N, C-alpha and C. Protein backbone atom coordinates (compact mmCIF):
# COMPACT_ATOMS: atom_id res chain seq x y z
N MET A 1 -13.92 -2.01 -0.17
CA MET A 1 -14.37 -2.35 1.10
C MET A 1 -13.25 -2.96 1.81
N LEU A 2 -13.26 -2.40 2.83
CA LEU A 2 -12.24 -2.99 3.94
C LEU A 2 -12.33 -4.16 4.62
N ILE A 3 -11.45 -5.38 4.33
CA ILE A 3 -11.28 -6.51 4.56
C ILE A 3 -10.26 -7.04 5.90
N ALA A 4 -10.67 -7.03 7.02
CA ALA A 4 -9.60 -7.31 8.06
C ALA A 4 -8.96 -8.52 8.13
N LEU A 5 -7.70 -8.97 8.41
CA LEU A 5 -7.00 -9.95 8.72
C LEU A 5 -7.08 -10.01 10.17
N ASP A 6 -6.83 -9.18 10.99
CA ASP A 6 -7.10 -9.83 12.33
C ASP A 6 -7.60 -8.12 13.21
N ALA A 7 -8.85 -8.41 13.15
CA ALA A 7 -9.67 -6.78 13.45
C ALA A 7 -9.22 -6.45 15.06
N ALA A 8 -8.69 -7.09 15.77
CA ALA A 8 -8.59 -7.11 17.11
C ALA A 8 -7.23 -6.12 17.21
N ARG A 9 -6.51 -6.08 16.17
CA ARG A 9 -5.29 -5.67 16.22
C ARG A 9 -5.03 -4.87 14.69
N ALA A 10 -5.96 -4.20 14.60
CA ALA A 10 -6.44 -3.40 13.13
C ALA A 10 -5.40 -3.66 11.66
N ILE A 11 -5.03 -4.95 11.63
CA ILE A 11 -4.63 -5.60 10.54
C ILE A 11 -5.57 -5.89 9.65
N ASN A 12 -5.29 -5.07 8.48
CA ASN A 12 -6.38 -5.34 7.28
C ASN A 12 -5.45 -5.90 6.12
N ILE A 13 -6.24 -6.07 5.12
CA ILE A 13 -5.27 -6.47 3.76
C ILE A 13 -5.29 -5.01 2.84
N GLY A 14 -4.35 -4.76 2.30
CA GLY A 14 -3.62 -3.69 1.48
C GLY A 14 -5.12 -3.24 0.71
N GLN A 15 -5.15 -2.21 0.35
CA GLN A 15 -5.54 -1.18 -0.72
C GLN A 15 -5.51 -1.75 -1.84
N PRO A 16 -6.23 -2.37 -2.66
CA PRO A 16 -5.96 -2.75 -3.98
C PRO A 16 -5.48 -2.29 -4.83
N SER A 17 -5.87 -0.99 -5.10
CA SER A 17 -5.64 0.15 -6.51
C SER A 17 -3.91 0.80 -5.83
N LEU A 18 -3.64 0.89 -4.38
CA LEU A 18 -2.39 1.10 -4.16
C LEU A 18 -1.53 0.33 -4.65
N HIS A 19 -1.53 -1.45 -4.40
CA HIS A 19 -0.45 -2.47 -4.57
C HIS A 19 -0.50 -2.71 -6.25
N ALA A 20 -1.78 -2.36 -6.79
CA ALA A 20 -2.18 -2.10 -8.10
C ALA A 20 -0.70 -1.10 -8.58
N LEU A 21 -0.94 0.44 -8.39
CA LEU A 21 -0.14 1.04 -8.61
C LEU A 21 1.47 0.71 -8.10
N CYS A 22 1.97 0.34 -6.89
CA CYS A 22 2.71 -0.38 -6.51
C CYS A 22 3.38 -1.27 -7.66
N LEU A 23 2.61 -2.15 -7.66
CA LEU A 23 3.50 -3.39 -8.66
C LEU A 23 3.92 -3.36 -9.73
N ASP A 24 2.58 -2.31 -10.40
CA ASP A 24 3.29 -1.94 -11.85
C ASP A 24 4.48 -1.08 -11.57
N ALA A 25 5.00 -0.11 -10.73
CA ALA A 25 5.91 0.84 -10.36
C ALA A 25 7.25 -0.42 -10.46
N LEU A 26 7.12 -1.22 -9.37
CA LEU A 26 8.31 -2.32 -9.24
C LEU A 26 8.36 -3.19 -10.36
N ALA A 27 7.52 -3.72 -11.25
CA ALA A 27 7.49 -4.31 -12.75
C ALA A 27 8.31 -5.84 -12.39
N PRO A 28 7.99 -6.43 -11.84
CA PRO A 28 8.50 -7.96 -11.77
C PRO A 28 8.34 -8.37 -12.67
N LEU A 29 9.03 -9.06 -13.34
CA LEU A 29 9.45 -9.71 -15.04
C LEU A 29 9.75 -11.07 -14.76
N PRO A 30 8.97 -11.95 -15.73
CA PRO A 30 9.01 -13.50 -15.86
C PRO A 30 10.66 -13.64 -15.56
N GLY A 31 10.52 -14.89 -14.75
CA GLY A 31 11.94 -15.23 -14.23
C GLY A 31 12.42 -14.80 -13.12
N GLU A 32 12.23 -13.33 -12.84
CA GLU A 32 12.86 -12.79 -11.69
C GLU A 32 12.65 -13.47 -10.04
N THR A 33 13.54 -13.27 -9.20
CA THR A 33 13.22 -13.56 -7.87
C THR A 33 12.84 -12.13 -7.43
N VAL A 34 12.02 -12.43 -6.66
CA VAL A 34 11.37 -11.25 -5.47
C VAL A 34 11.09 -11.61 -4.05
N ILE A 35 11.46 -10.82 -3.21
CA ILE A 35 11.23 -10.81 -2.11
C ILE A 35 10.17 -9.94 -1.52
N GLN A 36 9.26 -10.67 -0.92
CA GLN A 36 8.01 -9.47 -0.02
C GLN A 36 8.17 -9.89 1.15
N VAL A 37 8.14 -8.91 2.03
CA VAL A 37 8.21 -8.28 3.48
C VAL A 37 7.29 -7.97 3.96
N GLY A 38 6.36 -8.80 4.47
CA GLY A 38 5.10 -8.46 5.09
C GLY A 38 4.15 -9.47 4.13
N THR A 39 3.80 -10.19 4.03
CA THR A 39 3.03 -11.12 3.51
C THR A 39 1.23 -11.35 3.59
N GLY A 40 1.15 -10.68 5.15
CA GLY A 40 -0.14 -10.82 5.67
C GLY A 40 -0.90 -12.07 4.99
N SER A 41 -2.07 -12.23 4.48
CA SER A 41 -2.83 -13.27 4.01
C SER A 41 -1.83 -13.97 2.91
N GLY A 42 -1.29 -13.48 1.61
CA GLY A 42 -0.71 -14.03 0.82
C GLY A 42 -1.33 -13.63 -0.38
N TYR A 43 -2.46 -12.50 -0.47
CA TYR A 43 -2.87 -12.05 -1.63
C TYR A 43 -2.12 -11.51 -2.57
N TYR A 44 -1.21 -10.38 -1.97
CA TYR A 44 -0.17 -9.83 -2.74
C TYR A 44 0.91 -10.66 -3.54
N THR A 45 1.25 -11.53 -2.33
CA THR A 45 2.36 -12.55 -3.19
C THR A 45 1.62 -13.49 -3.75
N ALA A 46 0.68 -13.90 -4.19
CA ALA A 46 0.04 -14.67 -4.99
C ALA A 46 0.22 -13.84 -6.39
N LEU A 47 -0.06 -12.57 -6.40
CA LEU A 47 0.16 -11.73 -7.50
C LEU A 47 1.57 -11.50 -8.01
N LEU A 48 2.47 -11.38 -7.13
CA LEU A 48 3.97 -11.65 -7.27
C LEU A 48 4.20 -12.83 -8.04
N ALA A 49 3.63 -14.25 -7.47
CA ALA A 49 4.13 -15.28 -8.46
C ALA A 49 3.38 -15.53 -9.54
N HIS A 50 1.87 -14.87 -9.76
CA HIS A 50 1.80 -14.73 -11.02
C HIS A 50 2.68 -13.83 -11.97
N LEU A 51 3.10 -12.56 -11.61
CA LEU A 51 3.89 -12.17 -12.45
C LEU A 51 5.41 -12.63 -12.73
N VAL A 52 5.84 -12.95 -11.55
CA VAL A 52 7.46 -13.37 -12.37
C VAL A 52 7.07 -15.04 -12.94
N GLY A 53 6.09 -15.80 -12.95
CA GLY A 53 5.76 -17.08 -13.42
C GLY A 53 6.40 -18.35 -12.84
N LEU A 54 6.15 -19.04 -13.61
CA LEU A 54 6.71 -20.46 -13.14
C LEU A 54 8.24 -20.49 -12.91
N GLY A 55 8.95 -19.64 -13.92
CA GLY A 55 10.40 -19.56 -13.88
C GLY A 55 11.18 -18.94 -13.03
N GLY A 56 10.18 -18.01 -12.09
CA GLY A 56 10.59 -17.21 -11.25
C GLY A 56 10.50 -17.67 -9.93
N ARG A 57 10.70 -16.66 -8.97
CA ARG A 57 10.94 -17.59 -7.42
C ARG A 57 10.47 -15.82 -6.56
N VAL A 58 9.31 -16.54 -5.71
CA VAL A 58 9.05 -15.43 -4.80
C VAL A 58 9.18 -16.35 -3.29
N LEU A 59 9.80 -15.01 -2.34
CA LEU A 59 10.38 -15.61 -0.87
C LEU A 59 9.69 -14.55 -0.06
N GLY A 60 8.83 -14.79 0.41
CA GLY A 60 7.83 -13.99 1.27
C GLY A 60 8.43 -14.02 2.75
N PHE A 61 8.24 -13.23 3.54
CA PHE A 61 8.82 -13.05 4.94
C PHE A 61 7.51 -12.40 5.77
N GLU A 62 6.93 -12.87 6.81
CA GLU A 62 5.89 -12.75 7.70
C GLU A 62 6.35 -13.22 9.31
N ILE A 63 6.49 -11.68 9.79
CA ILE A 63 6.66 -12.30 11.43
C ILE A 63 5.75 -12.37 12.28
N ASP A 64 4.45 -12.60 12.01
CA ASP A 64 3.26 -13.00 12.76
C ASP A 64 3.09 -14.43 12.42
N PRO A 65 3.48 -15.46 13.10
CA PRO A 65 3.05 -17.23 12.91
C PRO A 65 2.07 -17.47 12.24
N GLY A 66 1.02 -16.81 12.78
CA GLY A 66 -0.40 -17.34 12.22
C GLY A 66 -0.72 -16.65 11.02
N LEU A 67 -0.04 -15.65 10.47
CA LEU A 67 -0.57 -15.13 9.16
C LEU A 67 0.44 -16.16 8.34
N ALA A 68 1.66 -16.01 8.59
CA ALA A 68 2.61 -16.76 8.23
C ALA A 68 1.66 -18.15 7.29
N ALA A 69 1.19 -18.69 8.67
CA ALA A 69 0.68 -20.15 8.38
C ALA A 69 -0.20 -20.21 7.63
N ARG A 70 -0.93 -19.14 7.33
CA ARG A 70 -2.41 -18.47 6.55
C ARG A 70 -1.98 -18.55 4.79
N SER A 71 -0.57 -17.62 4.83
CA SER A 71 -0.32 -17.26 3.56
C SER A 71 0.29 -18.39 2.80
N ALA A 72 1.18 -19.38 3.65
CA ALA A 72 1.39 -20.52 3.13
C ALA A 72 0.67 -21.37 2.51
N CYS A 73 -0.47 -21.65 3.14
CA CYS A 73 -1.47 -22.46 2.69
C CYS A 73 -2.24 -21.78 1.75
N ASN A 74 -2.53 -20.62 1.76
CA ASN A 74 -3.17 -20.11 0.59
C ASN A 74 -2.50 -19.96 -0.87
N LEU A 75 -1.05 -19.94 -0.51
CA LEU A 75 -0.15 -19.75 -1.80
C LEU A 75 -0.05 -21.39 -2.39
N THR A 76 -0.48 -22.51 -1.99
CA THR A 76 -0.36 -24.10 -1.96
C THR A 76 -0.58 -23.90 -3.75
N PRO A 77 -1.18 -23.04 -4.66
CA PRO A 77 -1.06 -23.52 -5.97
C PRO A 77 -0.26 -22.89 -6.62
N TRP A 78 0.67 -21.94 -5.81
CA TRP A 78 2.06 -21.45 -6.74
C TRP A 78 3.08 -22.13 -5.76
N PRO A 79 3.47 -23.40 -6.01
CA PRO A 79 4.78 -23.69 -5.47
C PRO A 79 6.22 -23.04 -5.61
N TRP A 80 6.32 -22.21 -6.65
CA TRP A 80 7.20 -21.34 -6.81
C TRP A 80 7.48 -20.03 -5.78
N ALA A 81 6.29 -20.27 -4.84
CA ALA A 81 6.12 -19.04 -3.91
C ALA A 81 6.25 -19.53 -2.21
N HIS A 82 7.27 -18.92 -1.49
CA HIS A 82 7.69 -19.67 -0.38
C HIS A 82 7.70 -18.64 0.70
N ILE A 83 7.33 -19.20 1.77
CA ILE A 83 6.85 -18.23 2.86
C ILE A 83 7.72 -18.23 4.32
N VAL A 84 8.30 -17.41 4.82
CA VAL A 84 9.17 -17.65 6.04
C VAL A 84 8.42 -17.07 7.19
N ALA A 85 8.11 -17.59 7.99
CA ALA A 85 7.91 -17.00 9.49
C ALA A 85 8.78 -16.48 10.39
N ARG A 86 9.52 -15.43 9.92
CA ARG A 86 10.44 -14.27 10.49
C ARG A 86 10.48 -13.32 9.89
N SER A 87 11.02 -12.26 10.48
CA SER A 87 11.62 -10.53 10.13
C SER A 87 11.87 -10.93 8.79
N GLY A 88 11.56 -10.27 7.82
CA GLY A 88 12.45 -9.65 6.80
C GLY A 88 13.48 -8.73 6.46
N ALA A 89 13.67 -8.18 7.94
CA ALA A 89 14.58 -6.87 7.65
C ALA A 89 15.90 -6.69 8.70
N ALA A 90 15.83 -8.32 9.51
CA ALA A 90 16.77 -8.34 10.24
C ALA A 90 18.05 -9.19 9.80
N ASP A 91 18.08 -9.99 9.45
CA ASP A 91 18.95 -11.36 8.62
C ASP A 91 19.15 -11.03 7.49
N VAL A 92 20.35 -11.57 6.98
CA VAL A 92 20.95 -11.69 5.57
C VAL A 92 19.55 -12.18 4.76
N LEU A 93 19.48 -11.49 3.76
CA LEU A 93 18.68 -12.03 2.74
C LEU A 93 19.24 -12.91 1.56
N PRO A 94 18.35 -13.63 0.95
CA PRO A 94 19.16 -13.96 -0.75
C PRO A 94 19.04 -13.02 -1.89
N SER A 95 19.70 -12.97 -2.83
CA SER A 95 19.81 -12.02 -3.56
C SER A 95 18.37 -11.97 -4.44
N ALA A 96 18.35 -10.80 -4.86
CA ALA A 96 17.18 -10.56 -5.46
C ALA A 96 16.81 -9.72 -6.77
N ASP A 97 15.84 -9.87 -7.30
CA ASP A 97 15.88 -8.60 -8.37
C ASP A 97 14.88 -7.54 -8.31
N ALA A 98 13.71 -8.06 -7.33
CA ALA A 98 12.96 -6.97 -6.27
C ALA A 98 12.56 -7.27 -5.11
N ILE A 99 12.28 -6.29 -4.51
CA ILE A 99 11.97 -6.40 -2.90
C ILE A 99 10.71 -5.36 -2.84
N TYR A 100 9.58 -6.31 -2.13
CA TYR A 100 8.66 -5.51 -1.74
C TYR A 100 8.21 -5.44 -0.61
N VAL A 101 8.00 -4.35 0.05
CA VAL A 101 8.24 -4.31 1.50
C VAL A 101 6.62 -3.82 1.89
N ASN A 102 5.72 -4.34 2.76
CA ASN A 102 4.19 -4.21 3.29
C ASN A 102 4.17 -3.50 4.37
N ALA A 103 5.33 -2.88 5.09
CA ALA A 103 5.15 -2.68 6.29
C ALA A 103 5.75 -1.45 6.60
N GLY A 104 5.57 -0.19 7.26
CA GLY A 104 6.09 1.31 7.32
C GLY A 104 7.49 0.93 7.93
N ALA A 105 8.28 1.73 7.16
CA ALA A 105 9.59 1.47 7.79
C ALA A 105 10.59 3.02 7.64
N PRO A 106 11.22 3.40 9.09
CA PRO A 106 11.74 4.66 8.85
C PRO A 106 13.12 4.92 8.39
N ARG A 107 13.74 3.69 7.58
CA ARG A 107 14.53 3.58 6.70
C ARG A 107 14.39 2.16 5.97
N PRO A 108 15.35 2.67 4.84
CA PRO A 108 15.67 1.41 4.32
C PRO A 108 16.73 0.15 5.23
N ALA A 109 16.13 -0.97 5.23
CA ALA A 109 17.01 -1.90 5.97
C ALA A 109 18.43 -2.02 5.25
N ARG A 110 19.46 -2.35 5.88
CA ARG A 110 20.47 -2.90 5.54
C ARG A 110 20.40 -4.05 4.71
N ALA A 111 19.64 -4.88 5.44
CA ALA A 111 19.27 -6.56 4.31
C ALA A 111 19.04 -6.34 3.11
N TRP A 112 18.08 -4.93 3.05
CA TRP A 112 17.23 -5.05 1.55
C TRP A 112 18.64 -4.74 0.77
N LEU A 113 19.06 -3.27 1.08
CA LEU A 113 20.23 -2.99 0.25
C LEU A 113 21.01 -3.98 -0.44
N ASP A 114 21.65 -4.42 0.62
CA ASP A 114 22.82 -5.84 0.41
C ASP A 114 22.22 -6.68 -0.61
N ALA A 115 20.79 -7.22 -0.39
CA ALA A 115 20.31 -8.09 -1.18
C ALA A 115 20.21 -7.56 -2.79
N LEU A 116 20.03 -6.76 -3.10
CA LEU A 116 19.54 -5.92 -4.69
C LEU A 116 20.80 -6.61 -5.61
N ARG A 117 20.39 -7.18 -6.33
CA ARG A 117 20.91 -7.23 -7.43
C ARG A 117 21.39 -6.11 -8.05
N PRO A 118 22.56 -5.82 -9.17
CA PRO A 118 22.28 -4.57 -9.73
C PRO A 118 21.40 -4.30 -10.99
N GLU A 119 20.76 -3.56 -10.88
CA GLU A 119 19.57 -2.88 -11.34
C GLU A 119 18.40 -3.26 -10.78
N GLY A 120 18.27 -4.11 -9.44
CA GLY A 120 16.95 -4.29 -8.66
C GLY A 120 16.70 -3.44 -8.34
N ARG A 121 15.29 -3.42 -7.99
CA ARG A 121 14.31 -2.54 -7.16
C ARG A 121 13.89 -2.70 -6.07
N LEU A 122 13.90 -2.07 -5.29
CA LEU A 122 13.59 -1.79 -3.80
C LEU A 122 12.22 -1.10 -3.63
N LEU A 123 11.21 -1.30 -3.24
CA LEU A 123 9.55 -0.91 -3.20
C LEU A 123 9.43 -0.82 -1.60
N PHE A 124 9.40 0.38 -0.70
CA PHE A 124 8.80 0.18 0.60
C PHE A 124 8.43 1.90 1.13
N PRO A 125 7.30 1.31 2.05
CA PRO A 125 7.05 2.66 2.45
C PRO A 125 7.90 3.33 3.63
N LEU A 126 8.60 4.57 2.94
CA LEU A 126 9.46 4.93 4.27
C LEU A 126 8.41 5.64 4.87
N GLN A 127 7.89 5.56 6.24
CA GLN A 127 7.25 6.44 6.90
C GLN A 127 7.59 6.75 8.54
N PRO A 128 7.14 7.54 9.01
CA PRO A 128 7.08 7.68 10.65
C PRO A 128 6.00 6.97 11.37
N MET A 129 6.67 6.43 12.30
CA MET A 129 5.75 5.78 13.39
C MET A 129 4.04 6.27 13.05
N MET A 130 3.31 5.17 12.50
CA MET A 130 1.79 5.44 12.26
C MET A 130 1.65 6.72 11.89
N SER A 131 2.60 7.44 10.94
CA SER A 131 1.97 8.69 10.44
C SER A 131 2.37 8.56 8.69
N ARG A 132 1.74 9.39 8.38
CA ARG A 132 1.64 9.06 6.69
C ARG A 132 2.97 9.38 5.92
N GLY A 133 3.41 8.31 5.19
CA GLY A 133 4.63 8.63 4.24
C GLY A 133 4.63 8.73 2.81
N GLY A 134 5.62 7.89 2.37
CA GLY A 134 4.99 7.70 1.20
C GLY A 134 6.10 6.11 0.59
N MET A 135 5.43 5.59 -0.77
CA MET A 135 6.34 4.50 -1.37
C MET A 135 7.66 4.89 -1.99
N LEU A 136 8.87 4.23 -1.81
CA LEU A 136 9.88 4.57 -1.93
C LEU A 136 10.48 3.74 -3.27
N LEU A 137 10.52 4.19 -4.04
CA LEU A 137 11.17 3.35 -5.24
C LEU A 137 12.24 3.60 -5.50
N ILE A 138 13.57 2.65 -5.24
CA ILE A 138 14.85 2.42 -5.62
C ILE A 138 15.49 1.86 -6.18
N ARG A 139 16.44 1.94 -7.14
CA ARG A 139 17.27 1.19 -8.07
C ARG A 139 18.69 1.08 -7.70
N ARG A 140 19.33 0.05 -7.70
CA ARG A 140 20.59 -0.16 -7.46
C ARG A 140 21.40 -0.47 -8.48
N ILE A 141 22.71 0.64 -8.58
CA ILE A 141 23.61 0.98 -9.24
C ILE A 141 24.76 0.63 -8.98
N ALA A 142 25.31 -0.33 -9.57
CA ALA A 142 26.49 -1.33 -9.21
C ALA A 142 27.70 -0.07 -9.33
N ASN A 143 28.25 -0.11 -7.81
CA ASN A 143 29.84 0.67 -7.77
C ASN A 143 29.02 2.03 -8.02
N ALA A 144 27.96 2.69 -7.65
CA ALA A 144 27.78 4.16 -7.48
C ALA A 144 27.25 4.41 -5.44
N THR A 145 27.43 5.57 -5.71
CA THR A 145 27.17 5.80 -4.38
C THR A 145 25.64 6.57 -4.36
N ALA A 146 25.34 7.02 -5.70
CA ALA A 146 23.86 7.08 -5.49
C ALA A 146 23.10 6.68 -6.47
N TRP A 147 21.88 6.37 -6.26
CA TRP A 147 20.75 5.26 -6.99
C TRP A 147 19.50 6.29 -7.35
N PRO A 148 19.00 5.81 -8.26
CA PRO A 148 17.62 6.51 -8.32
C PRO A 148 16.97 6.11 -7.62
N ALA A 149 15.91 6.99 -7.27
CA ALA A 149 14.67 7.04 -6.21
C ALA A 149 13.94 7.98 -6.44
N ARG A 150 12.63 7.69 -6.23
CA ARG A 150 11.89 8.28 -6.31
C ARG A 150 10.19 7.85 -5.61
N PHE A 151 9.19 8.79 -4.94
CA PHE A 151 8.32 7.99 -4.49
C PHE A 151 7.13 8.02 -5.61
N VAL A 152 6.63 6.50 -5.45
CA VAL A 152 5.59 6.40 -6.14
C VAL A 152 4.19 6.77 -5.93
N SER A 153 3.96 6.91 -4.60
CA SER A 153 2.45 7.31 -3.54
C SER A 153 2.97 7.53 -2.41
N PRO A 154 2.11 8.57 -1.94
CA PRO A 154 1.52 8.42 -0.41
C PRO A 154 0.96 7.04 0.18
N ALA A 155 1.52 6.87 1.30
CA ALA A 155 0.88 5.57 1.51
C ALA A 155 1.00 5.72 3.35
N VAL A 156 0.17 4.74 3.97
CA VAL A 156 0.36 4.68 5.37
C VAL A 156 0.48 3.02 5.59
N PHE A 157 1.23 2.48 6.14
CA PHE A 157 1.43 0.70 6.61
C PHE A 157 1.25 0.84 7.98
N ILE A 158 1.03 -0.48 8.23
CA ILE A 158 1.34 -0.91 9.75
C ILE A 158 3.09 -0.97 9.87
N PRO A 159 3.09 -0.45 11.03
CA PRO A 159 4.95 0.10 11.17
C PRO A 159 5.75 -1.68 11.00
N LEU A 160 6.82 -1.87 10.50
CA LEU A 160 7.77 -2.71 10.30
C LEU A 160 8.02 -3.18 11.72
N GLN A 161 8.36 -3.95 12.39
CA GLN A 161 9.19 -4.71 13.62
C GLN A 161 10.54 -4.85 13.29
N GLY A 162 11.50 -3.99 14.13
CA GLY A 162 12.80 -4.22 14.06
C GLY A 162 13.70 -3.33 13.70
N LEU A 163 13.14 -2.52 12.98
CA LEU A 163 14.16 -1.06 13.13
C LEU A 163 14.00 0.00 13.78
N PRO A 164 14.91 0.94 14.22
CA PRO A 164 15.06 1.79 15.09
C PRO A 164 14.40 3.17 14.57
N GLU A 165 13.37 3.69 15.37
CA GLU A 165 12.68 4.61 15.03
C GLU A 165 13.53 5.82 14.88
N ASP A 166 12.73 6.86 14.21
CA ASP A 166 13.69 8.54 14.12
C ASP A 166 12.99 9.44 15.20
N ALA A 167 13.93 9.20 16.34
CA ALA A 167 13.52 9.68 17.13
C ALA A 167 13.51 11.26 17.54
N SER A 168 14.34 11.57 16.35
CA SER A 168 14.34 13.30 16.72
C SER A 168 12.93 13.88 15.63
N GLY A 169 12.30 12.81 15.43
CA GLY A 169 10.67 13.62 14.42
C GLY A 169 10.95 14.03 12.89
N SER A 170 12.63 13.93 12.57
CA SER A 170 12.68 14.78 11.38
C SER A 170 12.37 14.08 10.16
N LEU A 171 11.84 13.00 10.05
CA LEU A 171 11.52 12.52 9.02
C LEU A 171 9.99 12.80 8.75
N ALA A 172 9.37 12.63 10.01
CA ALA A 172 7.94 13.15 9.92
C ALA A 172 7.78 15.06 9.44
N LYS A 173 8.99 15.47 9.84
CA LYS A 173 8.83 16.74 9.11
C LYS A 173 9.47 16.92 8.18
N ALA A 174 9.95 16.24 7.32
CA ALA A 174 10.44 16.09 5.93
C ALA A 174 9.09 16.07 5.17
N PHE A 175 8.15 14.77 5.46
CA PHE A 175 7.01 14.66 4.90
C PHE A 175 6.10 15.86 5.06
N ALA A 176 5.94 16.80 6.12
CA ALA A 176 5.35 17.69 6.55
C ALA A 176 5.22 19.06 5.79
N HIS A 177 6.59 18.93 5.22
CA HIS A 177 6.95 20.39 4.81
C HIS A 177 7.64 20.21 3.60
N GLY A 178 7.88 18.90 3.15
CA GLY A 178 8.61 19.06 1.75
C GLY A 178 7.98 18.04 0.94
N SER A 179 7.68 18.29 -0.54
CA SER A 179 7.32 17.67 -1.38
C SER A 179 7.82 16.36 -1.60
N ILE A 180 6.78 15.39 -1.82
CA ILE A 180 7.86 14.01 -1.87
C ILE A 180 8.07 13.89 -3.60
N THR A 181 7.37 14.78 -4.40
CA THR A 181 7.73 14.74 -5.98
C THR A 181 9.08 14.93 -6.40
N GLY A 182 9.99 15.93 -5.54
CA GLY A 182 11.01 16.05 -5.91
C GLY A 182 12.15 15.23 -5.65
N VAL A 183 11.90 14.16 -4.94
CA VAL A 183 13.07 13.26 -4.95
C VAL A 183 13.48 12.70 -5.93
N ARG A 184 15.02 12.71 -6.21
CA ARG A 184 15.46 11.92 -7.39
C ARG A 184 16.60 10.71 -7.01
N THR A 185 17.01 11.00 -5.93
CA THR A 185 18.09 9.87 -5.61
C THR A 185 18.17 9.62 -4.08
N ILE A 186 18.70 8.10 -3.73
CA ILE A 186 19.38 8.21 -2.74
C ILE A 186 20.79 8.12 -2.47
N ARG A 187 21.37 8.73 -1.46
CA ARG A 187 22.92 8.86 -1.43
C ARG A 187 23.52 8.12 -0.60
N PHE A 188 24.61 7.35 -0.61
CA PHE A 188 25.30 7.01 0.43
C PHE A 188 26.97 7.28 0.43
N GLY A 189 27.40 7.64 1.47
CA GLY A 189 29.00 7.98 1.86
C GLY A 189 29.05 8.95 1.28
N GLU A 190 28.63 10.09 1.41
CA GLU A 190 28.41 11.78 0.80
C GLU A 190 27.90 12.42 2.03
N GLU A 191 28.37 13.91 2.19
CA GLU A 191 28.16 14.64 3.16
C GLU A 191 26.80 15.48 2.20
N PRO A 192 26.10 15.58 3.03
CA PRO A 192 24.60 16.40 2.49
C PRO A 192 24.63 17.68 2.02
N ASP A 193 24.65 17.86 1.24
CA ASP A 193 24.40 19.21 0.44
C ASP A 193 22.63 19.74 0.57
N ALA A 194 22.90 20.96 -0.49
CA ALA A 194 21.67 21.85 -0.61
C ALA A 194 20.48 21.10 -1.20
N SER A 195 20.73 19.86 -1.65
CA SER A 195 19.36 19.11 -2.50
C SER A 195 19.37 18.04 -1.40
N CYS A 196 19.54 18.22 -0.73
CA CYS A 196 18.81 17.26 0.73
C CYS A 196 17.40 17.23 1.20
N TRP A 197 16.61 16.20 1.15
CA TRP A 197 15.33 16.04 1.13
C TRP A 197 15.23 15.53 2.56
N TYR A 198 16.08 14.54 2.77
CA TYR A 198 15.90 14.12 4.40
C TYR A 198 17.14 13.45 4.22
N ASP A 199 17.92 14.02 5.63
CA ASP A 199 18.63 13.08 6.21
C ASP A 199 18.96 12.04 7.21
N GLY A 200 19.08 10.76 6.65
CA GLY A 200 18.59 9.67 7.61
C GLY A 200 20.40 8.93 8.31
N GLY A 201 21.07 10.03 8.13
CA GLY A 201 22.54 9.72 9.06
C GLY A 201 23.56 9.08 8.07
N ASP A 202 23.73 7.67 7.73
CA ASP A 202 24.09 7.28 6.62
C ASP A 202 23.95 7.08 5.15
N TRP A 203 22.49 7.42 5.22
CA TRP A 203 22.10 7.85 3.69
C TRP A 203 21.06 8.82 3.38
N TRP A 204 20.96 9.46 2.59
CA TRP A 204 20.26 10.70 2.58
C TRP A 204 19.32 10.63 1.19
N LEU A 205 17.88 11.62 1.05
CA LEU A 205 16.86 11.52 -0.35
C LEU A 205 17.66 12.87 -0.82
N SER A 206 17.77 12.91 -1.95
CA SER A 206 18.25 14.13 -2.57
C SER A 206 17.55 14.17 -3.60
N THR A 207 17.08 15.75 -3.99
CA THR A 207 16.69 16.14 -5.04
C THR A 207 17.38 16.60 -6.48
N ARG A 208 18.53 15.88 -6.26
CA ARG A 208 19.33 16.19 -7.48
C ARG A 208 19.45 14.69 -8.11
N ASP A 209 19.78 14.59 -9.33
CA ASP A 209 19.75 13.66 -10.56
C ASP A 209 20.78 12.99 -10.23
N PRO A 210 20.84 11.46 -10.47
CA PRO A 210 22.18 10.73 -10.07
C PRO A 210 23.36 11.45 -10.92
């Protein structure tokens, strides 16, 4: 059943089966620090808080002040979960073991990549504006230019605010013409080769292993 958070703006709670799949792939562990970008009403923030437990920490970012207030109120039983009413993509973020993004982005934000601890995981919807994309899981490898990456599932989310769009339309073409199951790595500081699935400029997705 579809449950609206703001029917006028077509903002709805996320599909539970998709989030269950994603949280399993992200694998938050007891005691870890997790950042969530786009908390909505805080439902999945509460699940993250349950997974990391009393010894962990969840920091949620919600750009909509009304939803941020709602999620903060809903999370009262989990005092180790804290909500910040601002963008989770624009500024420096604290270091984290895992980052879970619930808004569609045309690229991984620099803030997310910089915040990941070694072996930290980032899961976000890589997608063109209001078009189908995929949940991309990235694991940071210290002192490496190629990090393991794979798509967990197709997905469509409300677009993230604050990141430039792919004006060329090449991201939409990649999803239209390439199978998401072939992606193996995200690469930085290298020229794309024949294994390139999508070229994001200063980063690219490859079908080649790390």
